[in-house]
């Protein structure tokens, strides 16, 4: 149940509804100031969500859940509430650790392919001597710092659960993020002409002609 006085049209959104662009769940008003919605979830699920007040015709206001103090940035200037189901817990793979591989920071400059003409790219080289595949990561700064992707990858390598691989984590374009990630030809050009040459210069990578399919891509949503 959710209780917040002064609002009349309350929706629930999260991964399970497709967020704002999906099909928000309408809460049922049970009493003055009290709404409810029933949702079945896996017993080990991790859930992020927020409530929306859509009583305004042209806008939807995000509401703070007074019963859940756990909040996390969504990476785009807003915050979500979150919780674990009873059998869920944070993965131990992401616990803070000093990695043995190397993370380096680079700045790309391209007035034709980049919003604002500059972009930071973080490269991760695993602690192995042989050439490795490459994973290009959009929203790279968030994956590096918030998701601790390099830590997770290194632990999976050490446990023998994945083969060693390198990362090229590309920072997004802030206000231009949605345009860049909406099948943008400029973003493909950035990948082909800037990111991949940078990665080949600084990382020990498998060459694509002899290893087709050795490069992959990862992104949110």
C-alpha atoms as a PDB file:
ATOM      1  CA  UNK A   1       0.000   0.000   0.000  1.00  0.00           C
ATOM      2  CA  UNK A   2       1.041   3.579  -0.612  1.00  0.00           C
ATOM      3  CA  UNK A   3      -0.227   6.539   1.355  1.00  0.00           C
ATOM      4  CA  UNK A   4       0.320  10.131   0.288  1.00  0.00           C
ATOM      5  CA  UNK A   5      -2.291  12.786   0.979  1.00  0.00           C
ATOM      6  CA  UNK A   6      -3.128  15.410  -1.591  1.00  0.00           C
ATOM      7  CA  UNK A   7      -2.755  13.293  -4.760  1.00  0.00           C
ATOM      8  CA  UNK A   8      -5.597  11.781  -6.736  1.00  0.00           C
ATOM      9  CA  UNK A   9      -4.157   9.865  -9.747  1.00  0.00           C
ATOM     10  CA  UNK A  10      -1.328   7.562  -8.692  1.00  0.00           C
ATOM     11  CA  UNK A  11       0.605   5.249 -11.014  1.00  0.00           C
ATOM     12  CA  UNK A  12       3.381   2.752 -10.310  1.00  0.00           C
ATOM     13  CA  UNK A  13       6.238   2.365 -12.822  1.00  0.00           C
ATOM     14  CA  UNK A  14       9.373   0.229 -12.979  1.00  0.00           C
ATOM     15  CA  UNK A  15      11.106  -2.349 -15.158  1.00  0.00           C
ATOM     16  CA  UNK A  16       7.937  -4.434 -14.902  1.00  0.00           C
ATOM     17  CA  UNK A  17       5.898  -1.671 -16.634  1.00  0.00           C
ATOM     18  CA  UNK A  18       8.477  -0.286 -19.084  1.00  0.00           C
ATOM     19  CA  UNK A  19       8.932   2.872 -16.983  1.00  0.00           C
ATOM     20  CA  UNK A  20       7.421   6.110 -18.310  1.00  0.00           C
ATOM     21  CA  UNK A  21       7.298   4.913 -21.909  1.00  0.00           C
ATOM     22  CA  UNK A  22       5.532   1.649 -21.072  1.00  0.00           C
ATOM     23  CA  UNK A  23       2.196   0.833 -19.472  1.00  0.00           C
ATOM     24  CA  UNK A  24       2.126   2.345 -15.955  1.00  0.00           C
ATOM     25  CA  UNK A  25       0.127   0.447 -13.345  1.00  0.00           C
ATOM     26  CA  UNK A  26      -2.814   2.424 -11.996  1.00  0.00           C
ATOM     27  CA  UNK A  27      -3.170   2.175  -8.220  1.00  0.00           C
ATOM     28  CA  UNK A  28      -6.660   1.568  -6.853  1.00  0.00           C
ATOM     29  CA  UNK A  29      -7.921   4.054  -4.298  1.00  0.00           C
ATOM     30  CA  UNK A  30      -8.964   2.144  -1.156  1.00  0.00           C
ATOM     31  CA  UNK A  31      -9.577   5.017   1.257  1.00  0.00           C
ATOM     32  CA  UNK A  32      -8.879   8.760   1.456  1.00  0.00           C
ATOM     33  CA  UNK A  33      -5.174   9.120   0.760  1.00  0.00           C
ATOM     34  CA  UNK A  34      -4.622   5.337   0.415  1.00  0.00           C
ATOM     35  CA  UNK A  35      -3.961   3.433  -2.850  1.00  0.00           C
ATOM     36  CA  UNK A  36      -2.960  -0.173  -3.498  1.00  0.00           C
ATOM     37  CA  UNK A  37      -1.677  -2.409  -6.288  1.00  0.00           C
ATOM     38  CA  UNK A  38      -0.911  -6.142  -6.208  1.00  0.00           C
ATOM     39  CA  UNK A  39       2.073  -7.455  -8.145  1.00  0.00           C
ATOM     40  CA  UNK A  40       3.603 -10.957  -8.333  1.00  0.00           C
ATOM     41  CA  UNK A  41       7.426 -10.961  -8.329  1.00  0.00           C
ATOM     42  CA  UNK A  42      10.135 -13.662  -8.307  1.00  0.00           C
ATOM     43  CA  UNK A  43      11.234 -14.473  -4.731  1.00  0.00           C
ATOM     44  CA  UNK A  44      14.819 -13.332  -5.417  1.00  0.00           C
ATOM     45  CA  UNK A  45      14.012 -10.200  -7.438  1.00  0.00           C
ATOM     46  CA  UNK A  46      15.684  -6.801  -7.159  1.00  0.00           C
ATOM     47  CA  UNK A  47      13.154  -4.084  -8.002  1.00  0.00           C
ATOM     48  CA  UNK A  48      13.476  -0.382  -8.773  1.00  0.00           C
ATOM     49  CA  UNK A  49      10.291   1.655  -8.996  1.00  0.00           C
ATOM     50  CA  UNK A  50       8.711   5.039  -8.481  1.00  0.00           C
ATOM     51  CA  UNK A  51       5.221   6.457  -8.092  1.00  0.00           C
ATOM     52  CA  UNK A  52       3.765   9.065 -10.445  1.00  0.00           C
ATOM     53  CA  UNK A  53       1.046  11.610  -9.803  1.00  0.00           C
ATOM     54  CA  UNK A  54      -0.738  12.152 -13.104  1.00  0.00           C
ATOM     55  CA  UNK A  55      -3.433  14.457 -11.811  1.00  0.00           C
ATOM     56  CA  UNK A  56      -1.783  17.221 -13.845  1.00  0.00           C
ATOM     57  CA  UNK A  57      -2.896  17.171 -17.476  1.00  0.00           C
ATOM     58  CA  UNK A  58       0.469  17.857 -19.115  1.00  0.00           C
ATOM     59  CA  UNK A  59       2.958  16.420 -16.647  1.00  0.00           C
ATOM     60  CA  UNK A  60       3.623  13.557 -14.259  1.00  0.00           C
ATOM     61  CA  UNK A  61       5.216  14.288 -10.905  1.00  0.00           C
ATOM     62  CA  UNK A  62       7.441  11.668  -9.279  1.00  0.00           C
ATOM     63  CA  UNK A  63       6.410  10.981  -5.697  1.00  0.00           C
ATOM     64  CA  UNK A  64       8.564   9.938  -2.768  1.00  0.00           C
ATOM     65  CA  UNK A  65       7.486   6.660  -1.165  1.00  0.00           C
ATOM     66  CA  UNK A  66       7.191   7.540   2.559  1.00  0.00           C
ATOM     67  CA  UNK A  67       7.496   3.865   3.538  1.00  0.00           C
ATOM     68  CA  UNK A  68      10.742   3.100   1.694  1.00  0.00           C
ATOM     69  CA  UNK A  69      13.865   5.186   2.458  1.00  0.00           C
ATOM     70  CA  UNK A  70      16.008   3.244  -0.045  1.00  0.00           C
ATOM     71  CA  UNK A  71      16.650   5.387  -3.126  1.00  0.00           C
ATOM     72  CA  UNK A  72      19.156   5.222  -5.972  1.00  0.00           C
ATOM     73  CA  UNK A  73      20.010   7.486  -8.895  1.00  0.00           C
ATOM     74  CA  UNK A  74      18.688   6.315 -12.254  1.00  0.00           C
ATOM     75  CA  UNK A  75      21.710   7.849 -13.989  1.00  0.00           C
ATOM     76  CA  UNK A  76      19.613  10.486 -15.765  1.00  0.00           C
ATOM     77  CA  UNK A  77      19.029  13.066 -13.061  1.00  0.00           C
ATOM     78  CA  UNK A  78      16.191  11.299 -11.231  1.00  0.00           C
ATOM     79  CA  UNK A  79      15.925   8.777  -8.395  1.00  0.00           C
ATOM     80  CA  UNK A  80      14.137   5.461  -7.996  1.00  0.00           C
ATOM     81  CA  UNK A  81      13.163   3.564  -4.881  1.00  0.00           C
ATOM     82  CA  UNK A  82      14.426  -0.003  -4.651  1.00  0.00           C
ATOM     83  CA  UNK A  83      14.069  -3.192  -2.623  1.00  0.00           C
ATOM     84  CA  UNK A  84      15.015  -6.873  -2.648  1.00  0.00           C
ATOM     85  CA  UNK A  85      12.502  -9.674  -2.359  1.00  0.00           C
ATOM     86  CA  UNK A  86      13.116 -11.989   0.655  1.00  0.00           C
ATOM     87  CA  UNK A  87      15.429 -14.360  -1.238  1.00  0.00           C
ATOM     88  CA  UNK A  88      17.264 -11.599  -3.108  1.00  0.00           C
ATOM     89  CA  UNK A  89      20.553  -9.964  -2.226  1.00  0.00           C
ATOM     90  CA  UNK A  90      23.242  -7.867  -3.861  1.00  0.00           C
ATOM     91  CA  UNK A  91      25.668  -9.959  -5.884  1.00  0.00           C
ATOM     92  CA  UNK A  92      29.007 -10.541  -4.141  1.00  0.00           C
ATOM     93  CA  UNK A  93      30.644 -10.080  -7.550  1.00  0.00           C
ATOM     94  CA  UNK A  94      30.204  -6.311  -7.246  1.00  0.00           C
ATOM     95  CA  UNK A  95      31.731  -5.867  -3.793  1.00  0.00           C
ATOM     96  CA  UNK A  96      34.472  -3.264  -3.714  1.00  0.00           C
ATOM     97  CA  UNK A  97      37.896  -4.626  -4.568  1.00  0.00           C
ATOM     98  CA  UNK A  98      41.226  -3.541  -6.006  1.00  0.00           C
ATOM     99  CA  UNK A  99      41.369  -5.006  -9.493  1.00  0.00           C
ATOM    100  CA  UNK A 100      44.514  -6.567 -10.925  1.00  0.00           C
ATOM    101  CA  UNK A 101      43.839  -5.392 -14.456  1.00  0.00           C
ATOM    102  CA  UNK A 102      44.285  -1.803 -15.637  1.00  0.00           C
ATOM    103  CA  UNK A 103      41.667   0.910 -16.134  1.00  0.00           C
ATOM    104  CA  UNK A 104      42.779   3.941 -18.121  1.00  0.00           C
ATOM    105  CA  UNK A 105      40.911   7.138 -18.926  1.00  0.00           C
ATOM    106  CA  UNK A 106      40.971   8.779 -22.364  1.00  0.00           C
ATOM    107  CA  UNK A 107      39.278  11.780 -23.967  1.00  0.00           C
ATOM    108  CA  UNK A 108      38.040  11.659 -27.552  1.00  0.00           C
ATOM    109  CA  UNK A 109      37.595  14.877 -29.499  1.00  0.00           C
ATOM    110  CA  UNK A 110      35.386  14.988 -32.586  1.00  0.00           C
ATOM    111  CA  UNK A 111      33.360  18.097 -33.516  1.00  0.00           C
ATOM    112  CA  UNK A 112      31.397  16.109 -36.129  1.00  0.00           C
ATOM    113  CA  UNK A 113      30.420  12.951 -34.245  1.00  0.00           C
ATOM    114  CA  UNK A 114      30.122  14.091 -30.621  1.00  0.00           C
ATOM    115  CA  UNK A 115      27.764  16.410 -28.793  1.00  0.00           C
ATOM    116  CA  UNK A 116      29.982  19.103 -27.224  1.00  0.00           C
ATOM    117  CA  UNK A 117      32.906  17.707 -29.234  1.00  0.00           C
ATOM    118  CA  UNK A 118      34.479  15.722 -26.368  1.00  0.00           C
ATOM    119  CA  UNK A 119      33.833  12.372 -24.704  1.00  0.00           C
ATOM    120  CA  UNK A 120      35.544  10.323 -21.996  1.00  0.00           C
ATOM    121  CA  UNK A 121      36.238   6.638 -22.634  1.00  0.00           C
ATOM    122  CA  UNK A 122      37.454   4.225 -19.944  1.00  0.00           C
ATOM    123  CA  UNK A 123      39.442   1.192 -21.089  1.00  0.00           C
ATOM    124  CA  UNK A 124      39.862  -1.979 -19.023  1.00  0.00           C
ATOM    125  CA  UNK A 125      42.654  -4.460 -19.794  1.00  0.00           C
ATOM    126  CA  UNK A 126      42.340  -7.783 -17.917  1.00  0.00           C
ATOM    127  CA  UNK A 127      45.425  -9.199 -16.175  1.00  0.00           C
ATOM    128  CA  UNK A 128      46.312 -11.716 -18.915  1.00  0.00           C
ATOM    129  CA  UNK A 129      49.006 -11.785 -21.585  1.00  0.00           C
ATOM    130  CA  UNK A 130      47.060 -13.200 -24.551  1.00  0.00           C
ATOM    131  CA  UNK A 131      44.883 -11.085 -26.889  1.00  0.00           C
ATOM    132  CA  UNK A 132      41.268 -10.906 -25.736  1.00  0.00           C
ATOM    133  CA  UNK A 133      37.789 -10.051 -27.082  1.00  0.00           C
ATOM    134  CA  UNK A 134      36.391  -6.536 -26.647  1.00  0.00           C
ATOM    135  CA  UNK A 135      33.110  -5.452 -25.086  1.00  0.00           C
ATOM    136  CA  UNK A 136      32.019  -1.876 -25.911  1.00  0.00           C
ATOM    137  CA  UNK A 137      29.865  -0.447 -23.108  1.00  0.00           C
ATOM    138  CA  UNK A 138      27.514   2.502 -23.572  1.00  0.00           C
ATOM    139  CA  UNK A 139      26.759   4.599 -20.457  1.00  0.00           C
ATOM    140  CA  UNK A 140      30.334   3.585 -19.681  1.00  0.00           C
ATOM    141  CA  UNK A 141      30.981   5.832 -16.707  1.00  0.00           C
ATOM    142  CA  UNK A 142      27.877   4.540 -14.927  1.00  0.00           C
ATOM    143  CA  UNK A 143      28.813   0.926 -15.630  1.00  0.00           C
ATOM    144  CA  UNK A 144      32.346   1.520 -14.379  1.00  0.00           C
ATOM    145  CA  UNK A 145      31.492   3.402 -11.180  1.00  0.00           C
ATOM    146  CA  UNK A 146      27.932   2.495 -10.244  1.00  0.00           C
ATOM    147  CA  UNK A 147      27.765  -1.072 -11.560  1.00  0.00           C
ATOM    148  CA  UNK A 148      31.478  -1.815 -10.896  1.00  0.00           C
ATOM    149  CA  UNK A 149      31.623  -3.678 -14.187  1.00  0.00           C
ATOM    150  CA  UNK A 150      35.404  -4.050 -14.238  1.00  0.00           C
ATOM    151  CA  UNK A 151      35.286  -5.644 -10.762  1.00  0.00           C
ATOM    152  CA  UNK A 152      32.504  -8.029 -11.836  1.00  0.00           C
ATOM    153  CA  UNK A 153      34.297  -9.002 -15.053  1.00  0.00           C
ATOM    154  CA  UNK A 154      37.577  -9.618 -13.254  1.00  0.00           C
ATOM    155  CA  UNK A 155      35.922 -11.814 -10.630  1.00  0.00           C
ATOM    156  CA  UNK A 156      34.084 -13.822 -13.304  1.00  0.00           C
ATOM    157  CA  UNK A 157      37.381 -14.324 -15.130  1.00  0.00           C
ATOM    158  CA  UNK A 158      39.111 -15.444 -11.926  1.00  0.00           C
ATOM    159  CA  UNK A 159      36.294 -17.929 -11.228  1.00  0.00           C
ATOM    160  CA  UNK A 160      36.570 -19.353 -14.740  1.00  0.00           C
ATOM    161  CA  UNK A 161      32.980 -18.410 -15.549  1.00  0.00           C
ATOM    162  CA  UNK A 162      33.862 -16.238 -18.563  1.00  0.00           C
ATOM    163  CA  UNK A 163      36.901 -15.964 -20.802  1.00  0.00           C
ATOM    164  CA  UNK A 164      39.124 -12.902 -20.314  1.00  0.00           C
ATOM    165  CA  UNK A 165      37.819  -9.841 -22.144  1.00  0.00           C
ATOM    166  CA  UNK A 166      38.582  -6.123 -22.395  1.00  0.00           C
ATOM    167  CA  UNK A 167      36.146  -3.235 -21.944  1.00  0.00           C
ATOM    168  CA  UNK A 168      35.742   0.077 -23.755  1.00  0.00           C
ATOM    169  CA  UNK A 169      33.314   2.063 -21.586  1.00  0.00           C
ATOM    170  CA  UNK A 170      32.030   5.128 -23.432  1.00  0.00           C
ATOM    171  CA  UNK A 171      30.505   8.001 -21.464  1.00  0.00           C
ATOM    172  CA  UNK A 172      27.110   9.144 -22.747  1.00  0.00           C
ATOM    173  CA  UNK A 173      26.332  12.584 -24.174  1.00  0.00           C
ATOM    174  CA  UNK A 174      24.284  13.862 -21.221  1.00  0.00           C
ATOM    175  CA  UNK A 175      21.435  15.886 -22.766  1.00  0.00           C
ATOM    176  CA  UNK A 176      22.174  14.231 -26.123  1.00  0.00           C
ATOM    177  CA  UNK A 177      22.027  10.716 -24.683  1.00  0.00           C
ATOM    178  CA  UNK A 178      18.615   9.759 -26.038  1.00  0.00           C
ATOM    179  CA  UNK A 179      19.491  11.034 -29.520  1.00  0.00           C
ATOM    180  CA  UNK A 180      22.834   9.218 -29.528  1.00  0.00           C
ATOM    181  CA  UNK A 181      21.271   5.916 -28.504  1.00  0.00           C
ATOM    182  CA  UNK A 182      18.277   6.083 -30.863  1.00  0.00           C
ATOM    183  CA  UNK A 183      19.884   4.381 -33.898  1.00  0.00           C
ATOM    184  CA  UNK A 184      22.124   7.396 -34.485  1.00  0.00           C
ATOM    185  CA  UNK A 185      24.447   7.233 -37.492  1.00  0.00           C
ATOM    186  CA  UNK A 186      26.810   9.599 -35.667  1.00  0.00           C
ATOM    187  CA  UNK A 187      27.073   7.127 -32.778  1.00  0.00           C
ATOM    188  CA  UNK A 188      27.931   4.324 -35.206  1.00  0.00           C
ATOM    189  CA  UNK A 189      30.537   6.621 -36.741  1.00  0.00           C
ATOM    190  CA  UNK A 190      31.926   7.366 -33.288  1.00  0.00           C
ATOM    191  CA  UNK A 191      32.225   3.636 -32.616  1.00  0.00           C
ATOM    192  CA  UNK A 192      33.895   2.861 -35.957  1.00  0.00           C
ATOM    193  CA  UNK A 193      36.205   5.862 -36.356  1.00  0.00           C
ATOM    194  CA  UNK A 194      37.045   6.787 -32.755  1.00  0.00           C
ATOM    195  CA  UNK A 195      36.270   4.164 -30.100  1.00  0.00           C
ATOM    196  CA  UNK A 196      37.531   1.034 -31.857  1.00  0.00           C
ATOM    197  CA  UNK A 197      40.830   2.622 -33.019  1.00  0.00           C
ATOM    198  CA  UNK A 198      41.406   3.905 -29.465  1.00  0.00           C
ATOM    199  CA  UNK A 199      40.739   0.445 -28.034  1.00  0.00           C
ATOM    200  CA  UNK A 200      43.042  -1.253 -30.543  1.00  0.00           C
ATOM    201  CA  UNK A 201      45.794   1.223 -29.708  1.00  0.00           C
ATOM    202  CA  UNK A 202      45.729   0.706 -25.940  1.00  0.00           C
ATOM    203  CA  UNK A 203      44.345  -2.817 -25.431  1.00  0.00           C
ATOM    204  CA  UNK A 204      45.672  -6.245 -26.385  1.00  0.00           C
ATOM    205  CA  UNK A 205      42.753  -7.348 -28.558  1.00  0.00           C
ATOM    206  CA  UNK A 206      41.965 -10.196 -30.906  1.00  0.00           C
ATOM    207  CA  UNK A 207      41.903  -8.985 -34.507  1.00  0.00           C
ATOM    208  CA  UNK A 208      38.495  -9.181 -36.156  1.00  0.00           C
ATOM    209  CA  UNK A 209      39.593 -10.543 -39.571  1.00  0.00           C
ATOM    210  CA  UNK A 210      40.895 -13.706 -37.915  1.00  0.00           C
ATOM    211  CA  UNK A 211      38.298 -13.796 -35.117  1.00  0.00           C
ATOM    212  CA  UNK A 212      34.886 -12.724 -36.497  1.00  0.00           C
ATOM    213  CA  UNK A 213      32.419 -11.919 -33.744  1.00  0.00           C
ATOM    214  CA  UNK A 214      35.125 -11.223 -31.150  1.00  0.00           C
ATOM    215  CA  UNK A 215      33.670  -7.772 -30.352  1.00  0.00           C
ATOM    216  CA  UNK A 216      30.365  -7.204 -28.582  1.00  0.00           C
ATOM    217  CA  UNK A 217      28.293  -4.339 -27.202  1.00  0.00           C
ATOM    218  CA  UNK A 218      26.498  -3.748 -23.886  1.00  0.00           C
ATOM    219  CA  UNK A 219      24.079  -1.020 -22.854  1.00  0.00           C
ATOM    220  CA  UNK A 220      21.285  -0.172 -20.448  1.00  0.00           C
ATOM    221  CA  UNK A 221      17.695  -0.944 -21.522  1.00  0.00           C
END
